Structures are given as structure tokens and as C-alpha cells.
PDB file of N, CA and C in Angstrom:
ATOM      1  N   MET A   1     144.501 106.003 104.877  1.00  0.00           N
ATOM      2  CA  MET A   1     143.669 106.008 104.063  1.00  0.00           C
ATOM      3  C   MET A   1     142.348 105.115 104.783  1.00  0.00           C
ATOM      4  N   ARG A   2     142.794 104.620 105.831  1.00  0.00           N
ATOM      5  CA  ARG A   2     141.752 103.647 106.645  1.00  0.00           C
ATOM      6  C   ARG A   2     141.101 104.851 107.244  1.00  0.00           C
ATOM      7  N   SER A   3     141.489 105.773 107.759  1.00  0.00           N
ATOM      8  CA  SER A   3     140.679 106.642 108.730  1.00  0.00           C
ATOM      9  C   SER A   3     139.795 107.667 107.962  1.00  0.00           C
ATOM     10  N   ILE A   4     140.073 107.642 106.692  1.00  0.00           N
ATOM     11  CA  ILE A   4     139.172 108.306 105.534  1.00  0.00           C
ATOM     12  C   ILE A   4     137.982 107.437 105.182  1.00  0.00           C
ATOM     13  N   LEU A   5     138.108 106.193 105.333  1.00  0.00           N
ATOM     14  CA  LEU A   5     137.083 105.216 104.649  1.00  0.00           C
ATOM     15  C   LEU A   5     136.291 105.461 105.983  1.00  0.00           C
ATOM     16  N   LEU A   6     136.561 105.280 106.989  1.00  0.00           N
ATOM     17  CA  LEU A   6     135.790 105.131 108.564  1.00  0.00           C
ATOM     18  C   LEU A   6     135.028 106.527 108.477  1.00  0.00           C
ATOM     19  N   SER A   7     135.922 107.595 108.297  1.00  0.00           N
ATOM     20  CA  SER A   7     135.167 108.925 108.174  1.00  0.00           C
ATOM     21  C   SER A   7     133.588 109.428 107.168  1.00  0.00           C
ATOM     22  N   LEU A   8     133.901 108.582 106.203  1.00  0.00           N
ATOM     23  CA  LEU A   8     133.096 108.416 104.790  1.00  0.00           C
ATOM     24  C   LEU A   8     131.912 107.609 105.619  1.00  0.00           C
ATOM     25  N   SER A   9     132.266 106.541 106.067  1.00  0.00           N
ATOM     26  CA  SER A   9     131.254 105.907 106.630  1.00  0.00           C
ATOM     27  C   SER A   9     130.247 106.446 107.580  1.00  0.00           C
ATOM     28  N   LEU A  10     130.929 107.127 108.616  1.00  0.00           N
ATOM     29  CA  LEU A  10     130.406 107.547 109.397  1.00  0.00           C
ATOM     30  C   LEU A  10     129.481 108.926 109.021  1.00  0.00           C
ATOM     31  N   LEU A  11     129.591 109.119 108.093  1.00  0.00           N
ATOM     32  CA  LEU A  11     128.939 110.576 107.457  1.00  0.00           C
ATOM     33  C   LEU A  11     127.881 110.047 106.744  1.00  0.00           C
ATOM     34  N   ALA A  12     127.774 108.849 105.621  1.00  0.00           N
ATOM     35  CA  ALA A  12     126.716 107.956 104.999  1.00  0.00           C
ATOM     36  C   ALA A  12     126.003 107.559 105.958  1.00  0.00           C
ATOM     37  N   GLY A  13     126.231 107.137 107.655  1.00  0.00           N
ATOM     38  CA  GLY A  13     125.696 106.957 108.361  1.00  0.00           C
ATOM     39  C   GLY A  13     124.549 107.981 108.770  1.00  0.00           C
ATOM     40  N   LEU A  14     125.299 109.063 109.146  1.00  0.00           N
ATOM     41  CA  LEU A  14     124.192 110.202 109.726  1.00  0.00           C
ATOM     42  C   LEU A  14     123.471 110.583 108.742  1.00  0.00           C
ATOM     43  N   TRP A  15     123.964 110.935 107.569  1.00  0.00           N
ATOM     44  CA  TRP A  15     123.318 111.230 106.382  1.00  0.00           C
ATOM     45  C   TRP A  15     121.890 110.565 106.664  1.00  0.00           C
ATOM     46  N   SER A  16     122.044 109.022 106.195  1.00  0.00           N
ATOM     47  CA  SER A  16     120.601 108.539 105.972  1.00  0.00           C
ATOM     48  C   SER A  16     119.880 108.678 107.677  1.00  0.00           C
ATOM     49  N   GLY A  17     120.421 108.758 108.446  1.00  0.00           N
ATOM     50  CA  GLY A  17     119.826 108.854 110.036  1.00  0.00           C
ATOM     51  C   GLY A  17     118.944 110.438 109.323  1.00  0.00           C
ATOM     52  N   MET A  18     119.512 111.312 108.772  1.00  0.00           N
ATOM     53  CA  MET A  18     119.314 112.532 108.371  1.00  0.00           C
ATOM     54  C   MET A  18     117.580 112.727 107.472  1.00  0.00           C
ATOM     55  N   ALA A  19     117.855 111.884 106.515  1.00  0.00           N
ATOM     56  CA  ALA A  19     116.797 111.564 105.089  1.00  0.00           C
ATOM     57  C   ALA A  19     115.693 110.957 105.911  1.00  0.00           C
ATOM     58  N   LEU A  20     115.820 110.121 107.304  1.00  0.00           N
ATOM     59  CA  LEU A  20     114.441 109.430 107.690  1.00  0.00           C
ATOM     60  C   LEU A  20     113.707 110.876 108.744  1.00  0.00           C
ATOM     61  N   GLY A  21     114.488 111.803 108.327  1.00  0.00           N
ATOM     62  CA  GLY A  21     113.628 112.867 109.592  1.00  0.00           C
ATOM     63  C   GLY A  21     114.051 112.611 110.894  1.00  0.00           C
ATOM     64  N   GLY A  22     114.983 111.836 110.932  1.00  0.00           N
ATOM     65  CA  GLY A  22     115.211 111.722 112.421  1.00  0.00           C
ATOM     66  C   GLY A  22     114.362 110.883 113.132  1.00  0.00           C
ATOM     67  N   GLY A  23     112.661 111.231 113.471  1.00  0.00           N
ATOM     68  CA  GLY A  23     111.834 110.254 113.821  1.00  0.00           C
ATOM     69  C   GLY A  23     110.874 109.247 113.246  1.00  0.00           C
ATOM     70  N   GLY A  24     111.306 109.458 111.727  1.00  0.00           N
ATOM     71  CA  GLY A  24     110.763 108.417 110.698  1.00  0.00           C
ATOM     72  C   GLY A  24     109.371 108.931 110.101  1.00  0.00           C
ATOM     73  N   VAL A  25     108.756 108.046 109.962  1.00  0.00           N
ATOM     74  CA  VAL A  25     107.885 108.033 109.372  1.00  0.00           C
ATOM     75  C   VAL A  25     106.723 108.459 110.664  1.00  0.00           C
ATOM     76  N   ASP A  26     105.661 109.171 110.234  1.00  0.00           N
ATOM     77  CA  ASP A  26     104.734 109.379 110.774  1.00  0.00           C
ATOM     78  C   ASP A  26     103.176 109.007 110.639  1.00  0.00           C
ATOM     79  N   ILE A  27     102.817 107.519 111.279  1.00  0.00           N
ATOM     80  CA  ILE A  27     101.612 106.658 110.634  1.00  0.00           C
ATOM     81  C   ILE A  27     100.634 107.875 110.664  1.00  0.00           C
ATOM     82  N   ASN A  28     100.369 108.754 111.419  1.00  0.00           N
ATOM     83  CA  ASN A  28      99.086 109.353 111.611  1.00  0.00           C
ATOM     84  C   ASN A  28      98.975 110.571 110.501  1.00  0.00           C
ATOM     85  N   THR A  29     100.295 110.711 109.904  1.00  0.00           N
ATOM     86  CA  THR A  29     100.036 111.774 108.951  1.00  0.00           C
ATOM     87  C   THR A  29     100.363 110.945 107.582  1.00  0.00           C
ATOM     88  N   ALA A  30     101.441 110.089 107.342  1.00  0.00           N
ATOM     89  CA  ALA A  30     102.028 109.903 106.295  1.00  0.00           C
ATOM     90  C   ALA A  30     100.946 109.323 105.268  1.00  0.00           C
ATOM     91  N   SER A  31     101.301 109.565 103.726  1.00  0.00           N
ATOM     92  CA  SER A  31     100.463 109.212 102.796  1.00  0.00           C
ATOM     93  C   SER A  31     100.672 107.830 102.644  1.00  0.00           C
ATOM     94  N   ALA A  32      99.960 106.832 101.803  1.00  0.00           N
ATOM     95  CA  ALA A  32      99.808 105.284 101.423  1.00  0.00           C
ATOM     96  C   ALA A  32     101.369 105.023 100.891  1.00  0.00           C
ATOM     97  N   GLU A  33     101.720 106.098  99.865  1.00  0.00           N
ATOM     98  CA  GLU A  33     102.795 106.385  99.068  1.00  0.00           C
ATOM     99  C   GLU A  33     104.198 106.315 100.010  1.00  0.00           C
ATOM    100  N   GLU A  34     103.969 107.636 101.015  1.00  0.00           N
ATOM    101  CA  GLU A  34     105.011 107.312 101.857  1.00  0.00           C
ATOM    102  C   GLU A  34     105.192 106.301 102.666  1.00  0.00           C
ATOM    103  N   LEU A  35     104.569 105.418 103.014  1.00  0.00           N
ATOM    104  CA  LEU A  35     104.743 104.205 103.767  1.00  0.00           C
ATOM    105  C   LEU A  35     105.021 103.245 103.008  1.00  0.00           C
ATOM    106  N   ALA A  36     104.861 103.276 102.034  1.00  0.00           N
ATOM    107  CA  ALA A  36     105.058 102.063 101.181  1.00  0.00           C
ATOM    108  C   ALA A  36     106.435 102.488 100.657  1.00  0.00           C
ATOM    109  N   GLU A  37     107.172 103.507 100.647  1.00  0.00           N
ATOM    110  CA  GLU A  37     107.968 103.857 100.377  1.00  0.00           C
ATOM    111  C   GLU A  37     109.481 103.781 101.179  1.00  0.00           C
ATOM    112  N   ALA A  38     108.727 104.127 102.877  1.00  0.00           N
ATOM    113  CA  ALA A  38     109.647 104.062 103.905  1.00  0.00           C
ATOM    114  C   ALA A  38     109.912 102.793 104.710  1.00  0.00           C
ATOM    115  N   LEU A  39     109.028 101.630 104.429  1.00  0.00           N
ATOM    116  CA  LEU A  39     108.596 100.694 105.717  1.00  0.00           C
ATOM    117  C   LEU A  39     109.311  99.145 104.632  1.00  0.00           C
ATOM    118  N   GLN A  40     109.634  98.829 105.209  1.00  0.00           N
ATOM    119  CA  GLN A  40     110.328  97.616 105.043  1.00  0.00           C
ATOM    120  C   GLN A  40     109.144  96.506 105.171  1.00  0.00           C
ATOM    121  N   GLY A  41     109.025  96.008 104.123  1.00  0.00           N
ATOM    122  CA  GLY A  41     107.592  94.561 103.960  1.00  0.00           C
ATOM    123  C   GLY A  41     106.423  95.309 103.888  1.00  0.00           C
ATOM    124  N   VAL A  42     106.556  96.686 103.422  1.00  0.00           N
ATOM    125  CA  VAL A  42     104.811  97.071 103.423  1.00  0.00           C
ATOM    126  C   VAL A  42     104.934  97.964 101.850  1.00  0.00           C
ATOM    127  N   GLY A  43     104.212  97.351 101.290  1.00  0.00           N
ATOM    128  CA  GLY A  43     103.851  97.753  99.931  1.00  0.00           C
ATOM    129  C   GLY A  43     102.483  97.985  99.338  1.00  0.00           C
ATOM    130  N   PRO A  44     102.220  98.926  98.526  1.00  0.00           N
ATOM    131  CA  PRO A  44     100.929  99.766  98.038  1.00  0.00           C
ATOM    132  C   PRO A  44      99.378  99.280  98.960  1.00  0.00           C
ATOM    133  N   SER A  45      99.457  98.184  99.045  1.00  0.00           N
ATOM    134  CA  SER A  45      98.398  97.350  99.469  1.00  0.00           C
ATOM    135  C   SER A  45      98.266  97.463 100.636  1.00  0.00           C
ATOM    136  N   LYS A  46      99.472  97.072 101.708  1.00  0.00           N
ATOM    137  CA  LYS A  46      99.490  97.127 103.254  1.00  0.00           C
ATOM    138  C   LYS A  46      99.626  98.667 103.357  1.00  0.00           C
ATOM    139  N   ALA A  47      99.995  99.682 102.558  1.00  0.00           N
ATOM    140  CA  ALA A  47      99.858 100.951 102.964  1.00  0.00           C
ATOM    141  C   ALA A  47      98.851 101.389 103.066  1.00  0.00           C
ATOM    142  N   GLU A  48      98.098 101.088 101.873  1.00  0.00           N
ATOM    143  CA  GLU A  48      96.323 101.696 101.602  1.00  0.00           C
ATOM    144  C   GLU A  48      95.675 101.325 103.093  1.00  0.00           C
ATOM    145  N   ALA A  49      95.894  99.917 103.181  1.00  0.00           N
ATOM    146  CA  ALA A  49      95.462  99.304 104.462  1.00  0.00           C
ATOM    147  C   ALA A  49      95.727 100.435 105.671  1.00  0.00           C
ATOM    148  N   ILE A  50      96.889 100.407 105.893  1.00  0.00           N
ATOM    149  CA  ILE A  50      96.556 101.436 106.864  1.00  0.00           C
ATOM    150  C   ILE A  50      96.567 102.727 107.137  1.00  0.00           C
ATOM    151  N   VAL A  51      96.485 103.387 105.732  1.00  0.00           N
ATOM    152  CA  VAL A  51      95.945 104.828 105.654  1.00  0.00           C
ATOM    153  C   VAL A  51      94.053 104.536 105.942  1.00  0.00           C
ATOM    154  N   ALA A  52      93.508 103.522 105.710  1.00  0.00           N
ATOM    155  CA  ALA A  52      92.006 102.884 105.490  1.00  0.00           C
ATOM    156  C   ALA A  52      91.827 102.640 106.829  1.00  0.00           C
ATOM    157  N   TYR A  53      92.630 102.427 107.716  1.00  0.00           N
ATOM    158  CA  TYR A  53      92.298 101.809 109.168  1.00  0.00           C
ATOM    159  C   TYR A  53      92.219 103.348 109.712  1.00  0.00           C
ATOM    160  N   ARG A  54      93.336 103.653 109.145  1.00  0.00           N
ATOM    161  CA  ARG A  54      93.215 105.447 110.207  1.00  0.00           C
ATOM    162  C   ARG A  54      91.987 106.113 109.883  1.00  0.00           C
ATOM    163  N   LYS A  55      91.672 106.019 108.951  1.00  0.00           N
ATOM    164  CA  LYS A  55      90.273 107.272 108.454  1.00  0.00           C
ATOM    165  C   LYS A  55      89.160 106.453 108.978  1.00  0.00           C
ATOM    166  N   GLN A  56      89.099 105.323 109.011  1.00  0.00           N
ATOM    167  CA  GLN A  56      87.938 104.295 109.754  1.00  0.00           C
ATOM    168  C   GLN A  56      88.315 104.561 111.263  1.00  0.00           C
ATOM    169  N   ASN A  57      88.951 104.512 111.876  1.00  0.00           N
ATOM    170  CA  ASN A  57      89.150 104.361 113.166  1.00  0.00           C
ATOM    171  C   ASN A  57      89.741 105.613 114.032  1.00  0.00           C
ATOM    172  N   GLY A  58      90.440 106.481 113.164  1.00  0.00           N
ATOM    173  CA  GLY A  58      90.830 107.721 114.092  1.00  0.00           C
ATOM    174  C   GLY A  58      92.610 107.468 114.067  1.00  0.00           C
ATOM    175  N   PRO A  59      92.983 108.522 114.541  1.00  0.00           N
ATOM    176  CA  PRO A  59      94.675 108.319 114.529  1.00  0.00           C
ATOM    177  C   PRO A  59      95.003 107.142 115.502  1.00  0.00           C
ATOM    178  N   PHE A  60      95.955 106.426 115.332  1.00  0.00           N
ATOM    179  CA  PHE A  60      97.083 105.779 115.844  1.00  0.00           C
ATOM    180  C   PHE A  60      97.523 105.946 117.202  1.00  0.00           C
ATOM    181  N   ARG A  61      96.832 105.517 118.290  1.00  0.00           N
ATOM    182  CA  ARG A  61      97.328 105.772 119.490  1.00  0.00           C
ATOM    183  C   ARG A  61      98.967 105.611 120.152  1.00  0.00           C
ATOM    184  N   SER A  62      99.371 104.286 119.463  1.00  0.00           N
ATOM    185  CA  SER A  62     100.784 104.094 119.142  1.00  0.00           C
ATOM    186  C   SER A  62     101.128 103.315 118.031  1.00  0.00           C
ATOM    187  N   VAL A  63     102.523 103.170 118.042  1.00  0.00           N
ATOM    188  CA  VAL A  63     102.993 102.483 116.632  1.00  0.00           C
ATOM    189  C   VAL A  63     102.212 101.000 116.546  1.00  0.00           C
ATOM    190  N   ASP A  64     102.063 100.239 118.160  1.00  0.00           N
ATOM    191  CA  ASP A  64     101.725  99.242 118.618  1.00  0.00           C
ATOM    192  C   ASP A  64     100.338  98.667 118.041  1.00  0.00           C
ATOM    193  N   GLU A  65      99.697  99.941 117.468  1.00  0.00           N
ATOM    194  CA  GLU A  65      98.357  99.731 117.132  1.00  0.00           C
ATOM    195  C   GLU A  65      98.172  99.188 115.481  1.00  0.00           C
ATOM    196  N   LEU A  66      99.088  99.506 114.803  1.00  0.00           N
ATOM    197  CA  LEU A  66      99.148  98.851 113.779  1.00  0.00           C
ATOM    198  C   LEU A  66      99.475  96.980 113.239  1.00  0.00           C
ATOM    199  N   VAL A  67      99.127  96.460 114.806  1.00  0.00           N
ATOM    200  CA  VAL A  67      98.757  95.068 114.708  1.00  0.00           C
ATOM    201  C   VAL A  67      97.300  94.907 114.231  1.00  0.00           C
ATOM    202  N   GLU A  68      96.379  95.851 114.201  1.00  0.00           N
ATOM    203  CA  GLU A  68      94.990  95.737 114.400  1.00  0.00           C
ATOM    204  C   GLU A  68      95.039  96.273 112.478  1.00  0.00           C
ATOM    205  N   VAL A  69      95.488  96.405 111.765  1.00  0.00           N
ATOM    206  CA  VAL A  69      95.563  96.480 110.579  1.00  0.00           C
ATOM    207  C   VAL A  69      95.968  95.277 109.640  1.00  0.00           C
ATOM    208  N   LYS A  70      94.750  94.347 109.003  1.00  0.00           N
ATOM    209  CA  LYS A  70      95.167  93.520 108.118  1.00  0.00           C
ATOM    210  C   LYS A  70      96.330  93.246 107.285  1.00  0.00           C
ATOM    211  N   GLY A  71      96.906  92.625 107.623  1.00  0.00           N
ATOM    212  CA  GLY A  71      98.223  92.197 106.791  1.00  0.00           C
ATOM    213  C   GLY A  71      99.316  92.698 107.214  1.00  0.00           C
ATOM    214  N   ILE A  72      99.320  93.420 108.481  1.00  0.00           N
ATOM    215  CA  ILE A  72     100.683  93.822 109.397  1.00  0.00           C
ATOM    216  C   ILE A  72     100.528  93.498 110.798  1.00  0.00           C
ATOM    217  N   GLY A  73     101.694  92.890 110.753  1.00  0.00           N
ATOM    218  CA  GLY A  73     101.919  91.701 112.090  1.00  0.00           C
ATOM    219  C   GLY A  73     103.094  92.170 112.896  1.00  0.00           C
ATOM    220  N   GLU A  74     103.390  91.622 114.070  1.00  0.00           N
ATOM    221  CA  GLU A  74     104.405  92.275 115.084  1.00  0.00           C
ATOM    222  C   GLU A  74     105.736  91.741 114.354  1.00  0.00           C
ATOM    223  N   ALA A  75     105.813  91.007 113.577  1.00  0.00           N
ATOM    224  CA  ALA A  75     107.093  91.285 112.768  1.00  0.00           C
ATOM    225  C   ALA A  75     107.722  92.542 111.828  1.00  0.00           C
ATOM    226  N   THR A  76     106.443  93.052 111.116  1.00  0.00           N
ATOM    227  CA  THR A  76     106.584  93.691 110.256  1.00  0.00           C
ATOM    228  C   THR A  76     106.821  95.288 111.245  1.00  0.00           C
ATOM    229  N   ILE A  77     106.032  95.104 112.246  1.00  0.00           N
ATOM    230  CA  ILE A  77     106.034  96.319 113.443  1.00  0.00           C
ATOM    231  C   ILE A  77     107.590  96.237 113.927  1.00  0.00           C
ATOM    232  N   GLU A  78     108.028  95.087 114.234  1.00  0.00           N
ATOM    233  CA  GLU A  78     109.444  95.211 114.844  1.00  0.00           C
ATOM    234  C   GLU A  78     110.662  95.452 113.446  1.00  0.00           C
ATOM    235  N   ALA A  79     110.493  95.380 112.326  1.00  0.00           N
ATOM    236  CA  ALA A  79     111.318  95.493 111.336  1.00  0.00           C
ATOM    237  C   ALA A  79     111.443  96.648 111.094  1.00  0.00           C
ATOM    238  N   ASN A  80     110.224  97.739 111.372  1.00  0.00           N
ATOM    239  CA  ASN A  80     110.362  98.822 111.202  1.00  0.00           C
ATOM    240  C   ASN A  80     110.084 100.042 112.226  1.00  0.00           C
ATOM    241  N   ARG A  81     110.219  99.221 113.390  1.00  0.00           N
ATOM    242  CA  ARG A  81     109.763 100.258 114.587  1.00  0.00           C
ATOM    243  C   ARG A  81     110.674 101.557 115.045  1.00  0.00           C
ATOM    244  N   ASP A  82     112.188 101.649 114.574  1.00  0.00           N
ATOM    245  CA  ASP A  82     112.795 102.678 114.282  1.00  0.00           C
ATOM    246  C   ASP A  82     112.730 103.647 113.534  1.00  0.00           C
ATOM    247  N   ARG A  83     111.734 103.283 112.389  1.00  0.00           N
ATOM    248  CA  ARG A  83     111.459 104.057 111.134  1.00  0.00           C
ATOM    249  C   ARG A  83     110.460 104.629 111.327  1.00  0.00           C
ATOM    250  N   LEU A  84     109.321 104.458 112.831  1.00  0.00           N
ATOM    251  CA  LEU A  84     107.771 104.823 112.809  1.00  0.00           C
ATOM    252  C   LEU A  84     107.677 105.490 113.862  1.00  0.00           C
ATOM    253  N   THR A  85     106.792 106.549 114.170  1.00  0.00           N
ATOM    254  CA  THR A  85     106.478 107.236 114.958  1.00  0.00           C
ATOM    255  C   THR A  85     104.839 107.521 114.912  1.00  0.00           C
ATOM    256  N   ALA A  86     104.154 107.531 115.889  1.00  0.00           N
ATOM    257  CA  ALA A  86     102.480 108.094 115.882  1.00  0.00           C
ATOM    258  C   ALA A  86     102.593 109.604 117.037  1.00  0.00           C
ATOM    259  N   SER A  87     102.335 110.256 116.033  1.00  0.00           N
ATOM    260  CA  SER A  87     102.095 111.744 116.759  1.00  0.00           C
ATOM    261  C   SER A  87     100.880 111.860 117.365  1.00  0.00           C
ATOM    262  N   GLU A  88     100.910 112.512 118.568  1.00  0.00           N
ATOM    263  CA  GLU A  88      99.623 112.844 119.204  1.00  0.00           C
ATOM    264  C   GLU A  88      98.792 113.933 118.607  1.00  0.00           C
ATOM    265  N   MET A  89      97.419 113.208 117.916  1.00  0.00           N
ATOM    266  CA  MET A  89      96.500 113.874 117.222  1.00  0.00           C
ATOM    267  C   MET A  89      95.548 115.113 118.105  1.00  0.00           C
ATOM    268  N   LEU A  90      95.499 116.232 117.710  1.00  0.00           N
ATOM    269  CA  LEU A  90      94.766 116.698 118.634  1.00  0.00           C
ATOM    270  C   LEU A  90      93.402 116.925 117.917  1.00  0.00           C
ATOM    271  N   PRO A  91      92.407 116.745 118.994  1.00  0.00           N
ATOM    272  CA  PRO A  91      90.880 117.195 118.384  1.00  0.00           C
ATOM    273  C   PRO A  91      90.689 118.598 117.789  1.00  0.00           C
ATOM    274  N   SER A  92      90.329 118.206 116.744  1.00  0.00           N
ATOM    275  CA  SER A  92      89.918 119.836 115.781  1.00  0.00           C
ATOM    276  C   SER A  92      89.279 120.692 116.618  1.00  0.00           C
ATOM    277  N   SER A  93      89.229 121.782 116.595  1.00  0.00           N
ATOM    278  CA  SER A  93      88.172 122.791 117.499  1.00  0.00           C
ATOM    279  C   SER A  93      87.277 123.312 116.237  1.00  0.00           C
ATOM    280  N   ASP A  94      86.370 122.561 115.408  1.00  0.00           N
ATOM    281  CA  ASP A  94      85.489 122.838 114.827  1.00  0.00           C
ATOM    282  C   ASP A  94      84.110 123.200 115.650  1.00  0.00           C
TER     283      ASP A  94
END
């Protein structure tokens, strides 16, 4: 019985990791809604601030750059670091 419970716990952990897509939320492509749903301590207004900052300043170079967004501090970044990624955005060829 104990081994069955352990196996189920491991499967649940693996499934939750897959639900996050492995790398987590890409702060350079995620919508405000996606950010608010996925990140701890980030509600709709902070998520909108992240998207607004990105639109005004261009893509984030790293997750640590989130500290430049009003309302996002080091504690929020650290609490979510394993859920965040900042993809490298290539310049458009227009």
C-alpha cells in the first residue's frame, strides 16, 4: 500500500511539472492573464504592469529585469524563479 501511495505521489509531481511546460512562463510572450494565473503573488494589475513594461521597453533580457517593473520586487522574483523564463527575442526582419 505504501509503495502505491509513493508511486501516485511521484506521478502527481511529474504531471504538475509537465503542466508548467517544463520551462514555465515566458515573460516575453505571456499575456497578462497567463502571468496572473501562473505566478505566485502576481495578480491582474501586476501582470498588466509586466506586459506594459515589456511593450514600452522591449523584451526582457533576463528574469531578473522584472525588478524594474513597479510592484515586482526581489521576493516576488525569487518566489517564482522556477516558473519563469525569458526567451531571447530576435529582431524582426521588417
